[in-house]
PDB file of N, CA and C in Angstrom:
ATOM      1  N   MET A   1      13.248  -5.458   8.722  1.00  0.00           N
ATOM      2  CA  MET A   1      11.973  -5.571   8.160  1.00  0.00           C
ATOM      3  C   MET A   1      12.015  -4.842   6.560  1.00  0.00           C
ATOM      4  N   PRO A   2      12.559  -5.138   5.342  1.00  0.00           N
ATOM      5  CA  PRO A   2      12.796  -4.633   4.053  1.00  0.00           C
ATOM      6  C   PRO A   2      11.573  -3.709   4.202  1.00  0.00           C
ATOM      7  N   ASN A   3      11.789  -2.387   3.213  1.00  0.00           N
ATOM      8  CA  ASN A   3      10.349  -1.584   3.219  1.00  0.00           C
ATOM      9  C   ASN A   3       9.813  -2.291   1.897  1.00  0.00           C
ATOM     10  N   ASP A   4       8.451  -2.325   2.085  1.00  0.00           N
ATOM     11  CA  ASP A   4       7.805  -3.400   1.185  1.00  0.00           C
ATOM     12  C   ASP A   4       6.869  -2.277   0.669  1.00  0.00           C
ATOM     13  N   CYS A   5       7.129  -1.152  -0.201  1.00  0.00           N
ATOM     14  CA  CYS A   5       5.829  -0.349  -0.975  1.00  0.00           C
ATOM     15  C   CYS A   5       4.623  -1.338  -1.182  1.00  0.00           C
ATOM     16  N   GLY A   6       4.386  -2.123  -1.330  1.00  0.00           N
ATOM     17  CA  GLY A   6       3.448  -2.602  -1.564  1.00  0.00           C
ATOM     18  C   GLY A   6       2.363  -2.616  -0.104  1.00  0.00           C
ATOM     19  N   ILE A   7       3.019  -2.328   1.027  1.00  0.00           N
ATOM     20  CA  ILE A   7       2.019  -2.631   2.357  1.00  0.00           C
ATOM     21  C   ILE A   7       1.555  -1.116   2.270  1.00  0.00           C
ATOM     22  N   GLN A   8       2.320  -0.775   1.719  1.00  0.00           N
ATOM     23  CA  GLN A   8       2.047   1.196   1.944  1.00  0.00           C
ATOM     24  C   GLN A   8       0.834   1.629   0.676  1.00  0.00           C
ATOM     25  N   ASP A   9       0.650   0.789  -0.580  1.00  0.00           N
ATOM     26  CA  ASP A   9      -0.306   0.850  -1.214  1.00  0.00           C
ATOM     27  C   ASP A   9      -1.185   0.540  -0.457  1.00  0.00           C
ATOM     28  N   SER A  10      -1.342  -0.647  -0.313  1.00  0.00           N
ATOM     29  CA  SER A  10      -2.660  -1.228   0.408  1.00  0.00           C
ATOM     30  C   SER A  10      -3.014  -0.929   1.656  1.00  0.00           C
ATOM     31  N   SER A  11      -2.190  -0.500   2.306  1.00  0.00           N
ATOM     32  CA  SER A  11      -2.974   0.549   3.644  1.00  0.00           C
ATOM     33  C   SER A  11      -3.300   1.614   2.920  1.00  0.00           C
ATOM     34  N   GLY A  12      -3.314   2.727   1.924  1.00  0.00           N
ATOM     35  CA  GLY A  12      -3.587   4.255   0.827  1.00  0.00           C
ATOM     36  C   GLY A  12      -4.807   3.284   0.568  1.00  0.00           C
ATOM     37  N   LEU A  13      -5.134   2.308   0.107  1.00  0.00           N
ATOM     38  CA  LEU A  13      -6.734   1.696  -0.657  1.00  0.00           C
ATOM     39  C   LEU A  13      -7.075   1.733   0.423  1.00  0.00           C
ATOM     40  N   ALA A  14      -7.083   1.025   1.713  1.00  0.00           N
ATOM     41  CA  ALA A  14      -7.942   0.877   2.963  1.00  0.00           C
ATOM     42  C   ALA A  14      -8.528   1.919   3.638  1.00  0.00           C
ATOM     43  N   ARG A  15      -7.506   2.971   3.529  1.00  0.00           N
ATOM     44  CA  ARG A  15      -7.499   4.505   4.104  1.00  0.00           C
ATOM     45  C   ARG A  15      -8.600   5.616   3.643  1.00  0.00           C
ATOM     46  N   ALA A  16      -8.109   4.774   2.007  1.00  0.00           N
ATOM     47  CA  ALA A  16      -9.123   5.808   1.016  1.00  0.00           C
ATOM     48  C   ALA A  16     -10.545   5.625   0.966  1.00  0.00           C
ATOM     49  N   LEU A  17     -10.845   3.952   1.461  1.00  0.00           N
ATOM     50  CA  LEU A  17     -12.364   3.617   1.185  1.00  0.00           C
ATOM     51  C   LEU A  17     -13.169   3.549   2.545  1.00  0.00           C
ATOM     52  N   THR A  18     -11.624   4.451   3.324  1.00  0.00           N
ATOM     53  CA  THR A  18     -12.581   4.115   5.099  1.00  0.00           C
ATOM     54  C   THR A  18     -12.945   6.038   5.202  1.00  0.00           C
ATOM     55  N   GLY A  19     -12.539   6.690   4.524  1.00  0.00           N
ATOM     56  CA  GLY A  19     -12.640   8.043   4.705  1.00  0.00           C
ATOM     57  C   GLY A  19     -11.379   8.560   5.012  1.00  0.00           C
ATOM     58  N   ASP A  20     -10.532   7.941   5.154  1.00  0.00           N
ATOM     59  CA  ASP A  20      -9.293   8.617   5.973  1.00  0.00           C
ATOM     60  C   ASP A  20      -8.411   9.041   4.838  1.00  0.00           C
ATOM     61  N   PHE A  21      -8.797  10.321   4.133  1.00  0.00           N
ATOM     62  CA  PHE A  21      -7.879  10.884   2.933  1.00  0.00           C
ATOM     63  C   PHE A  21      -6.509  11.323   3.193  1.00  0.00           C
ATOM     64  N   LYS A  22      -6.295  12.207   3.903  1.00  0.00           N
ATOM     65  CA  LYS A  22      -5.134  12.194   4.763  1.00  0.00           C
ATOM     66  C   LYS A  22      -3.705  11.295   4.703  1.00  0.00           C
ATOM     67  N   GLY A  23      -4.032  10.376   5.273  1.00  0.00           N
ATOM     68  CA  GLY A  23      -3.486   8.564   5.713  1.00  0.00           C
ATOM     69  C   GLY A  23      -3.619   8.320   4.504  1.00  0.00           C
ATOM     70  N   ALA A  24      -4.072   8.464   3.765  1.00  0.00           N
ATOM     71  CA  ALA A  24      -4.299   7.292   2.460  1.00  0.00           C
ATOM     72  C   ALA A  24      -2.825   8.021   1.682  1.00  0.00           C
ATOM     73  N   ILE A  25      -3.419   9.376   1.705  1.00  0.00           N
ATOM     74  CA  ILE A  25      -2.161  10.467   0.566  1.00  0.00           C
ATOM     75  C   ILE A  25      -1.066   9.892   1.037  1.00  0.00           C
ATOM     76  N   ALA A  26      -1.072   9.921   2.389  1.00  0.00           N
ATOM     77  CA  ALA A  26       0.738  10.146   3.187  1.00  0.00           C
ATOM     78  C   ALA A  26       1.085   8.362   2.942  1.00  0.00           C
ATOM     79  N   ASP A  27       0.332   7.688   2.514  1.00  0.00           N
ATOM     80  CA  ASP A  27       0.796   6.283   2.182  1.00  0.00           C
ATOM     81  C   ASP A  27       1.020   6.149   0.558  1.00  0.00           C
ATOM     82  N   PHE A  28       0.108   6.705  -0.236  1.00  0.00           N
ATOM     83  CA  PHE A  28       0.344   6.917  -1.493  1.00  0.00           C
ATOM     84  C   PHE A  28       1.541   7.537  -2.402  1.00  0.00           C
ATOM     85  N   GLU A  29       2.003   8.334  -1.027  1.00  0.00           N
ATOM     86  CA  GLU A  29       3.243   9.151  -1.201  1.00  0.00           C
ATOM     87  C   GLU A  29       4.199   8.819  -1.242  1.00  0.00           C
ATOM     88  N   ALA A  30       4.582   7.448   0.317  1.00  0.00           N
ATOM     89  CA  ALA A  30       5.358   6.453   0.366  1.00  0.00           C
ATOM     90  C   ALA A  30       5.654   5.507  -0.976  1.00  0.00           C
ATOM     91  N   TYR A  31       4.112   5.377  -1.208  1.00  0.00           N
ATOM     92  CA  TYR A  31       4.311   4.090  -2.702  1.00  0.00           C
ATOM     93  C   TYR A  31       5.307   4.802  -3.331  1.00  0.00           C
ATOM     94  N   ILE A  32       4.638   5.850  -4.269  1.00  0.00           N
ATOM     95  CA  ILE A  32       4.967   6.509  -5.029  1.00  0.00           C
ATOM     96  C   ILE A  32       6.592   7.146  -5.430  1.00  0.00           C
ATOM     97  N   ALA A  33       7.548   7.112  -4.040  1.00  0.00           N
ATOM     98  CA  ALA A  33       8.804   7.262  -3.820  1.00  0.00           C
ATOM     99  C   ALA A  33       9.246   5.845  -4.240  1.00  0.00           C
ATOM    100  N   GLN A  34       8.840   4.622  -4.281  1.00  0.00           N
ATOM    101  CA  GLN A  34       9.860   3.879  -4.281  1.00  0.00           C
ATOM    102  C   GLN A  34       9.011   3.020  -5.345  1.00  0.00           C
ATOM    103  N   ALA A  35       7.796   3.139  -6.403  1.00  0.00           N
ATOM    104  CA  ALA A  35       7.395   2.913  -7.190  1.00  0.00           C
ATOM    105  C   ALA A  35       7.707   3.338  -8.816  1.00  0.00           C
ATOM    106  N   ASP A  36       7.268   2.530  -9.771  1.00  0.00           N
ATOM    107  CA  ASP A  36       7.460   3.390 -11.510  1.00  0.00           C
ATOM    108  C   ASP A  36       6.642   2.542 -12.051  1.00  0.00           C
ATOM    109  N   GLY A  37       6.239   3.057 -13.371  1.00  0.00           N
ATOM    110  CA  GLY A  37       5.455   2.769 -14.087  1.00  0.00           C
ATOM    111  C   GLY A  37       4.122   3.168 -14.031  1.00  0.00           C
ATOM    112  N   ASP A  38       3.504   2.375 -14.694  1.00  0.00           N
ATOM    113  CA  ASP A  38       1.714   2.590 -14.591  1.00  0.00           C
ATOM    114  C   ASP A  38       0.877   2.862 -13.207  1.00  0.00           C
ATOM    115  N   SER A  39       1.604   2.018 -12.340  1.00  0.00           N
ATOM    116  CA  SER A  39       0.836   2.286 -11.259  1.00  0.00           C
ATOM    117  C   SER A  39       1.421   3.400 -10.322  1.00  0.00           C
ATOM    118  N   LYS A  40       2.590   4.032 -10.262  1.00  0.00           N
ATOM    119  CA  LYS A  40       3.179   4.699 -10.106  1.00  0.00           C
ATOM    120  C   LYS A  40       2.081   6.117 -10.640  1.00  0.00           C
ATOM    121  N   ALA A  41       1.924   6.706 -12.023  1.00  0.00           N
ATOM    122  CA  ALA A  41       1.221   7.234 -12.260  1.00  0.00           C
ATOM    123  C   ALA A  41      -0.357   7.570 -12.129  1.00  0.00           C
ATOM    124  N   GLN A  42      -0.969   5.919 -12.015  1.00  0.00           N
ATOM    125  CA  GLN A  42      -2.035   5.835 -11.381  1.00  0.00           C
ATOM    126  C   GLN A  42      -2.279   6.085 -10.081  1.00  0.00           C
ATOM    127  N   ARG A  43      -1.269   6.266  -9.044  1.00  0.00           N
ATOM    128  CA  ARG A  43      -1.528   6.716  -7.461  1.00  0.00           C
ATOM    129  C   ARG A  43      -1.119   8.303  -7.744  1.00  0.00           C
ATOM    130  N   GLN A  44      -0.231   8.392  -8.626  1.00  0.00           N
ATOM    131  CA  GLN A  44      -0.341  10.212  -8.820  1.00  0.00           C
ATOM    132  C   GLN A  44      -1.777  10.949  -9.145  1.00  0.00           C
ATOM    133  N   ARG A  45      -2.313  10.175  -9.726  1.00  0.00           N
ATOM    134  CA  ARG A  45      -3.621  10.464  -9.893  1.00  0.00           C
ATOM    135  C   ARG A  45      -4.448  10.633  -9.303  1.00  0.00           C
ATOM    136  N   TRP A  46      -4.616   9.813  -8.255  1.00  0.00           N
ATOM    137  CA  TRP A  46      -5.344   9.279  -6.794  1.00  0.00           C
ATOM    138  C   TRP A  46      -4.762  10.267  -6.009  1.00  0.00           C
ATOM    139  N   VAL A  47      -3.893  10.584  -6.002  1.00  0.00           N
ATOM    140  CA  VAL A  47      -3.315  11.709  -4.784  1.00  0.00           C
ATOM    141  C   VAL A  47      -3.909  13.094  -5.096  1.00  0.00           C
ATOM    142  N   LYS A  48      -3.956  13.054  -6.126  1.00  0.00           N
ATOM    143  CA  LYS A  48      -4.164  14.655  -7.008  1.00  0.00           C
ATOM    144  C   LYS A  48      -5.934  14.605  -6.754  1.00  0.00           C
ATOM    145  N   GLU A  49      -6.752  13.553  -6.706  1.00  0.00           N
ATOM    146  CA  GLU A  49      -8.050  13.626  -6.296  1.00  0.00           C
ATOM    147  C   GLU A  49      -7.990  13.499  -5.115  1.00  0.00           C
ATOM    148  N   LEU A  50      -7.572  13.299  -4.520  1.00  0.00           N
ATOM    149  CA  LEU A  50      -7.723  13.000  -2.465  1.00  0.00           C
ATOM    150  C   LEU A  50      -7.325  14.614  -2.271  1.00  0.00           C
ATOM    151  N   ARG A  51      -6.638  15.069  -2.307  1.00  0.00           N
ATOM    152  CA  ARG A  51      -6.310  16.306  -2.202  1.00  0.00           C
ATOM    153  C   ARG A  51      -7.359  17.238  -2.236  1.00  0.00           C
ATOM    154  N   ALA A  52      -8.173  17.194  -3.241  1.00  0.00           N
ATOM    155  CA  ALA A  52      -9.420  17.942  -4.206  1.00  0.00           C
ATOM    156  C   ALA A  52     -10.379  17.761  -2.773  1.00  0.00           C
ATOM    157  N   GLY A  53      -9.833  16.451  -2.047  1.00  0.00           N
ATOM    158  CA  GLY A  53     -11.580  16.123  -1.767  1.00  0.00           C
ATOM    159  C   GLY A  53     -11.905  15.066  -1.745  1.00  0.00           C
ATOM    160  N   LYS A  54     -11.661  14.222  -3.277  1.00  0.00           N
ATOM    161  CA  LYS A  54     -12.323  13.485  -4.030  1.00  0.00           C
ATOM    162  C   LYS A  54     -11.866  12.163  -3.560  1.00  0.00           C
ATOM    163  N   ASN A  55     -12.781  11.068  -3.368  1.00  0.00           N
ATOM    164  CA  ASN A  55     -12.304   9.189  -3.320  1.00  0.00           C
ATOM    165  C   ASN A  55     -12.017   9.097  -4.823  1.00  0.00           C
ATOM    166  N   PRO A  56     -10.944   8.804  -5.357  1.00  0.00           N
ATOM    167  CA  PRO A  56     -10.482   8.281  -7.012  1.00  0.00           C
ATOM    168  C   PRO A  56     -11.230   6.751  -6.633  1.00  0.00           C
ATOM    169  N   LEU A  57     -11.184   6.202  -5.336  1.00  0.00           N
ATOM    170  CA  LEU A  57     -11.570   4.642  -5.845  1.00  0.00           C
ATOM    171  C   LEU A  57     -13.233   4.571  -5.716  1.00  0.00           C
ATOM    172  N   ILE A  58     -13.402   4.736  -7.038  1.00  0.00           N
ATOM    173  CA  ILE A  58     -14.754   4.805  -7.451  1.00  0.00           C
ATOM    174  C   ILE A  58     -15.613   3.517  -7.889  1.00  0.00           C
ATOM    175  N   ASP A  59     -16.127   2.812  -8.496  1.00  0.00           N
ATOM    176  CA  ASP A  59     -16.503   1.322  -9.137  1.00  0.00           C
ATOM    177  C   ASP A  59     -15.866   0.850  -9.976  1.00  0.00           C
ATOM    178  N   THR A  60     -15.615   1.811 -10.852  1.00  0.00           N
ATOM    179  CA  THR A  60     -14.937   1.539 -12.173  1.00  0.00           C
ATOM    180  C   THR A  60     -13.476   1.280 -11.864  1.00  0.00           C
ATOM    181  N   GLU A  61     -13.030   2.006 -11.057  1.00  0.00           N
ATOM    182  CA  GLU A  61     -11.328   1.995 -10.697  1.00  0.00           C
ATOM    183  C   GLU A  61     -11.217   0.695 -10.077  1.00  0.00           C
ATOM    184  N   LEU A  62     -12.216   0.413  -9.276  1.00  0.00           N
ATOM    185  CA  LEU A  62     -12.120  -0.977  -8.167  1.00  0.00           C
ATOM    186  C   LEU A  62     -11.941  -2.088  -8.934  1.00  0.00           C
ATOM    187  N   LYS A  63     -13.276  -1.788 -10.078  1.00  0.00           N
ATOM    188  CA  LYS A  63     -12.742  -2.955 -11.069  1.00  0.00           C
ATOM    189  C   LYS A  63     -11.688  -3.235 -11.798  1.00  0.00           C
ATOM    190  N   LYS A  64     -11.242  -2.269 -11.930  1.00  0.00           N
ATOM    191  CA  LYS A  64      -9.900  -1.994 -12.550  1.00  0.00           C
ATOM    192  C   LYS A  64      -8.736  -2.881 -11.978  1.00  0.00           C
ATOM    193  N   LEU A  65      -8.517  -2.072 -10.394  1.00  0.00           N
ATOM    194  CA  LEU A  65      -7.463  -3.145  -9.557  1.00  0.00           C
ATOM    195  C   LEU A  65      -8.009  -4.678  -9.039  1.00  0.00           C
ATOM    196  N   ARG A  66      -9.220  -5.137  -9.170  1.00  0.00           N
ATOM    197  CA  ARG A  66      -9.730  -6.678  -9.254  1.00  0.00           C
ATOM    198  C   ARG A  66      -8.755  -7.246 -10.057  1.00  0.00           C
ATOM    199  N   ARG A  67      -9.059  -6.465 -11.721  1.00  0.00           N
ATOM    200  CA  ARG A  67      -8.326  -7.362 -12.880  1.00  0.00           C
ATOM    201  C   ARG A  67      -6.247  -7.355 -13.010  1.00  0.00           C
ATOM    202  N   GLU A  68      -6.382  -6.510 -12.217  1.00  0.00           N
ATOM    203  CA  GLU A  68      -4.784  -6.298 -12.118  1.00  0.00           C
ATOM    204  C   GLU A  68      -4.178  -7.664 -11.225  1.00  0.00           C
TER     205      GLU A  68
END
């Protein structure tokens, strides 16, 4: 099966939303290693916040994702 960074990204989102910050960081780092552009920078910010113990996926961020 080919390496699909979208799967890692979706898994990271689900883990962050359920409070599994460690798992979310691992998934987002795998995504970041394969991605480029705005989404890569966004996930890098998310990882930074997750490492600080904060969930970056607040309502405003989730609304942005729904529009993408």
